[in-house]
N, C-alpha and C. Protein backbone atom coordinates (compact mmCIF):
# COMPACT_ATOMS: atom_id res chain seq x y z
N MET A 1 115.93 165.35 124.93
CA MET A 1 116.20 166.34 123.80
C MET A 1 116.33 165.61 122.48
N SER A 2 116.62 164.44 122.39
CA SER A 2 116.71 163.60 121.30
C SER A 2 115.33 163.49 120.60
N ASP A 3 114.35 163.34 121.35
CA ASP A 3 112.82 163.26 120.90
C ASP A 3 112.61 164.64 120.11
N ASN A 4 112.89 165.80 120.68
CA ASN A 4 112.62 167.06 120.18
C ASN A 4 113.53 167.03 118.80
N ASN A 5 114.69 166.60 118.77
CA ASN A 5 115.33 166.69 117.52
C ASN A 5 114.69 165.81 116.54
N GLU A 6 114.10 164.73 116.88
CA GLU A 6 113.52 163.73 115.94
C GLU A 6 112.18 164.43 115.41
N ILE A 7 111.49 165.09 116.32
CA ILE A 7 110.17 165.67 116.03
C ILE A 7 110.50 166.87 115.07
N THR A 8 111.57 167.74 115.27
CA THR A 8 111.87 168.89 114.44
C THR A 8 112.23 168.19 113.10
N ALA A 9 113.04 167.19 113.17
CA ALA A 9 113.39 166.66 111.88
C ALA A 9 112.25 166.16 110.94
N LEU A 10 111.36 165.50 111.55
CA LEU A 10 110.21 164.93 110.88
C LEU A 10 109.30 166.16 110.40
N LEU A 11 108.97 167.29 111.37
CA LEU A 11 108.24 168.31 110.87
C LEU A 11 109.06 169.18 109.71
N SER A 12 110.35 169.16 109.73
CA SER A 12 111.08 169.79 108.60
C SER A 12 110.97 169.01 107.29
N ALA A 13 111.01 167.58 107.50
CA ALA A 13 110.73 166.69 106.26
C ALA A 13 109.27 166.93 105.71
N ILE A 14 108.19 167.00 106.58
CA ILE A 14 106.86 167.12 106.24
C ILE A 14 106.71 168.47 105.58
N LEU A 15 107.29 169.63 106.09
CA LEU A 15 107.19 170.96 105.59
C LEU A 15 107.88 170.90 104.18
N GLU A 16 108.93 170.30 104.00
CA GLU A 16 109.62 170.27 102.82
C GLU A 16 108.87 169.42 101.70
N GLY A 17 108.15 168.40 102.19
CA GLY A 17 107.31 167.68 101.24
C GLY A 17 106.02 168.44 100.80
N GLN A 18 105.51 169.24 101.79
CA GLN A 18 104.39 170.18 101.49
C GLN A 18 104.83 171.16 100.37
N GLN A 19 105.94 171.80 100.67
CA GLN A 19 106.48 172.83 99.68
C GLN A 19 106.68 172.16 98.29
N THR A 20 107.20 170.98 98.21
CA THR A 20 107.29 170.36 97.07
C THR A 20 106.11 170.06 96.43
N THR A 21 104.97 169.71 97.18
CA THR A 21 103.59 169.26 96.54
C THR A 21 102.94 170.58 96.09
N ASN A 22 103.17 171.84 96.96
CA ASN A 22 102.72 173.07 96.50
C ASN A 22 103.18 173.63 95.24
N ALA A 23 104.59 173.34 95.09
CA ALA A 23 105.23 173.78 93.78
C ALA A 23 104.63 172.95 92.65
N ARG A 24 104.43 171.66 92.88
CA ARG A 24 103.90 170.90 91.75
C ARG A 24 102.34 171.20 91.53
N LEU A 25 101.61 171.56 92.57
CA LEU A 25 100.25 171.99 92.27
C LEU A 25 100.27 173.33 91.58
N ASP A 26 101.14 174.32 91.87
CA ASP A 26 101.20 175.55 91.23
C ASP A 26 101.59 175.33 89.71
N SER A 27 102.46 174.30 89.42
CA SER A 27 102.83 174.11 88.14
C SER A 27 101.71 173.60 87.29
N ILE A 28 100.98 172.66 87.91
CA ILE A 28 99.70 172.05 87.23
C ILE A 28 98.64 173.06 86.99
N ASP A 29 98.46 174.09 88.12
CA ASP A 29 97.52 175.13 87.87
C ASP A 29 97.78 176.10 86.65
N SER A 30 99.26 176.33 86.52
CA SER A 30 99.66 177.18 85.49
C SER A 30 99.45 176.42 84.13
N ARG A 31 99.62 175.24 84.11
CA ARG A 31 99.53 174.46 82.69
C ARG A 31 97.97 174.33 82.46
N LEU A 32 97.20 174.13 83.46
CA LEU A 32 95.60 174.14 83.28
C LEU A 32 95.23 175.42 82.78
N ASP A 33 95.70 176.61 83.19
CA ASP A 33 95.31 177.92 82.76
C ASP A 33 95.74 178.16 81.20
N LYS A 34 96.91 177.73 81.00
CA LYS A 34 97.36 177.79 79.51
C LYS A 34 96.42 176.90 78.72
N MET A 35 96.13 175.67 79.18
CA MET A 35 95.16 174.83 78.41
C MET A 35 93.81 175.42 78.20
N ASP A 36 93.27 176.15 79.36
CA ASP A 36 91.91 176.74 79.25
C ASP A 36 92.09 177.81 78.22
N THR A 37 93.12 178.49 78.18
CA THR A 37 93.29 179.71 77.10
C THR A 37 93.26 179.03 75.78
N ARG A 38 94.06 178.01 75.41
CA ARG A 38 94.07 177.42 74.24
C ARG A 38 92.67 176.93 73.71
N LEU A 39 92.07 176.26 74.86
CA LEU A 39 90.73 175.70 74.57
C LEU A 39 89.74 176.80 73.95
N SER A 40 89.74 177.92 74.82
CA SER A 40 88.93 179.07 74.46
C SER A 40 89.37 179.66 72.96
N ASN A 41 90.55 179.70 72.64
CA ASN A 41 90.96 180.14 71.38
C ASN A 41 90.42 179.06 70.37
N LEU A 42 90.59 177.84 70.64
CA LEU A 42 90.00 176.85 69.61
C LEU A 42 88.62 176.95 69.48
N GLU A 43 87.91 177.12 70.53
CA GLU A 43 86.45 177.39 70.49
C GLU A 43 86.11 178.50 69.53
N SER A 44 86.77 179.69 69.79
CA SER A 44 86.56 180.70 68.88
C SER A 44 86.92 180.54 67.40
N ASP A 45 87.99 179.82 67.19
CA ASP A 45 88.41 179.50 65.85
C ASP A 45 87.36 178.57 65.23
N VAL A 46 86.91 177.61 65.89
CA VAL A 46 85.86 176.66 65.45
C VAL A 46 84.59 177.40 64.98
N SER A 47 84.18 178.33 65.94
CA SER A 47 83.03 179.17 65.60
C SER A 47 83.17 179.92 64.41
N THR A 48 84.34 180.63 64.38
CA THR A 48 84.69 181.35 63.08
C THR A 48 84.66 180.47 61.82
N ILE A 49 85.21 179.39 61.90
CA ILE A 49 85.27 178.41 60.71
C ILE A 49 83.86 177.90 60.36
N LYS A 50 83.03 177.71 61.36
CA LYS A 50 81.68 177.22 61.20
C LYS A 50 80.99 178.32 60.38
N GLY A 51 80.99 179.51 60.94
CA GLY A 51 80.38 180.66 60.18
C GLY A 51 80.82 180.81 58.73
N ASN A 52 82.10 180.69 58.47
CA ASN A 52 82.74 180.70 57.08
C ASN A 52 82.08 179.59 56.33
N VAL A 53 82.01 178.39 56.87
CA VAL A 53 81.45 177.24 56.09
C VAL A 53 79.94 177.45 55.74
N ASP A 54 79.26 177.90 56.69
CA ASP A 54 77.78 178.39 56.45
C ASP A 54 77.66 179.33 55.18
N SER A 55 78.64 180.29 55.35
CA SER A 55 78.50 181.33 54.32
C SER A 55 78.98 180.69 52.98
N ILE A 56 79.93 179.80 52.97
CA ILE A 56 80.38 179.14 51.58
C ILE A 56 79.15 178.38 51.11
N GLU A 57 78.40 177.65 52.08
CA GLU A 57 77.35 176.69 51.63
C GLU A 57 76.25 177.67 51.03
N ARG A 58 75.90 178.80 51.54
CA ARG A 58 74.96 179.65 51.02
C ARG A 58 75.37 180.23 49.72
N SER A 59 76.54 180.50 49.51
CA SER A 59 77.16 181.02 48.24
C SER A 59 77.05 179.97 47.30
N GLN A 60 77.45 178.67 47.53
CA GLN A 60 77.43 177.68 46.51
C GLN A 60 76.03 177.45 46.15
N LYS A 61 75.03 177.32 47.04
CA LYS A 61 73.69 177.22 46.63
C LYS A 61 73.11 178.11 45.56
N MET A 62 73.66 179.56 45.91
CA MET A 62 73.16 180.53 44.99
C MET A 62 73.85 180.37 43.70
N GLN A 63 75.20 179.75 43.67
CA GLN A 63 75.81 179.60 42.41
C GLN A 63 75.22 178.52 41.66
N GLU A 64 74.86 177.43 42.43
CA GLU A 64 74.07 176.37 41.67
C GLU A 64 72.91 176.79 40.98
N LYS A 65 72.09 177.55 41.70
CA LYS A 65 70.89 178.10 41.04
C LYS A 65 71.11 178.83 39.80
N ALA A 66 72.29 179.78 39.90
CA ALA A 66 72.59 180.64 38.75
C ALA A 66 73.14 179.68 37.60
N LEU A 67 73.79 178.75 37.79
CA LEU A 67 74.24 177.67 36.88
C LEU A 67 73.11 176.89 36.28
N GLY A 68 72.05 176.59 37.10
CA GLY A 68 70.95 175.93 36.42
C GLY A 68 70.15 176.86 35.47
N THR A 69 70.04 178.14 35.94
CA THR A 69 69.46 179.12 35.04
C THR A 69 70.16 179.37 33.74
N ILE A 70 71.51 179.43 33.91
CA ILE A 70 72.41 179.60 32.63
C ILE A 70 72.26 178.41 31.84
N ALA A 71 72.28 177.21 32.47
CA ALA A 71 72.02 175.98 31.64
C ALA A 71 70.67 176.05 30.77
N ILE A 72 69.66 176.39 31.40
CA ILE A 72 68.37 176.42 30.81
C ILE A 72 68.40 177.46 29.78
N ARG A 73 68.90 178.61 29.85
CA ARG A 73 68.98 179.73 28.87
C ARG A 73 69.82 179.15 27.77
N THR A 74 71.04 178.47 28.07
CA THR A 74 71.78 178.02 26.99
C THR A 74 71.04 177.03 26.09
N LEU A 75 70.21 176.19 26.67
CA LEU A 75 69.49 175.27 25.83
C LEU A 75 68.51 175.91 24.92
N ALA A 76 67.92 177.05 25.62
CA ALA A 76 66.99 177.85 24.95
C ALA A 76 67.55 178.54 23.68
N HIS A 77 68.83 179.12 23.95
CA HIS A 77 69.40 179.71 22.72
C HIS A 77 69.90 178.82 21.82
N ASP A 78 70.52 177.52 22.18
CA ASP A 78 70.83 176.55 21.15
C ASP A 78 69.70 176.25 20.40
N ALA A 79 68.41 176.11 20.92
CA ALA A 79 67.27 175.68 20.22
C ALA A 79 66.93 176.82 19.27
N ASP A 80 66.96 178.04 19.74
CA ASP A 80 66.89 179.20 18.82
C ASP A 80 67.75 179.21 17.65
N LEU A 81 68.94 178.97 17.94
CA LEU A 81 69.99 178.91 16.89
C LEU A 81 69.73 177.91 15.92
N SER A 82 69.39 176.81 16.42
CA SER A 82 68.93 175.65 15.51
C SER A 82 67.87 175.95 14.60
N GLU A 83 66.91 176.74 15.14
CA GLU A 83 65.63 177.14 14.38
C GLU A 83 66.10 178.12 13.19
N LEU A 84 67.04 178.99 13.73
CA LEU A 84 67.31 180.08 12.73
C LEU A 84 68.12 179.38 11.61
N LYS A 85 69.01 178.47 12.07
CA LYS A 85 69.73 177.98 10.89
C LYS A 85 68.77 177.06 9.89
N LYS A 86 67.80 176.43 10.41
CA LYS A 86 66.88 175.72 9.66
C LYS A 86 66.06 176.68 8.67
N ALA A 87 65.79 177.96 9.28
CA ALA A 87 64.89 178.89 8.51
C ALA A 87 65.76 179.62 7.37
N GLU A 88 67.12 179.39 7.37
CA GLU A 88 67.96 179.96 6.41
C GLU A 88 67.86 179.20 5.10
């Protein structure tokens, strides 16, 4: 009967070890699920930010063109004013 008790004790120890391992694996799975969710949220945020940056770049290019046009017109107006002053 001593052998049976030893076998039972060993099996109990193995079962307890498996339960501990299973609990750890469940904890790791839970943390991985949370990390996957965070990663998905980050991917979404990065995509949104990229879209915003693209929009800002397009807007900036349009503003640069407008400023160029304004600068040319300002020079033309300054030249016209200079000619008018000379004519007076």
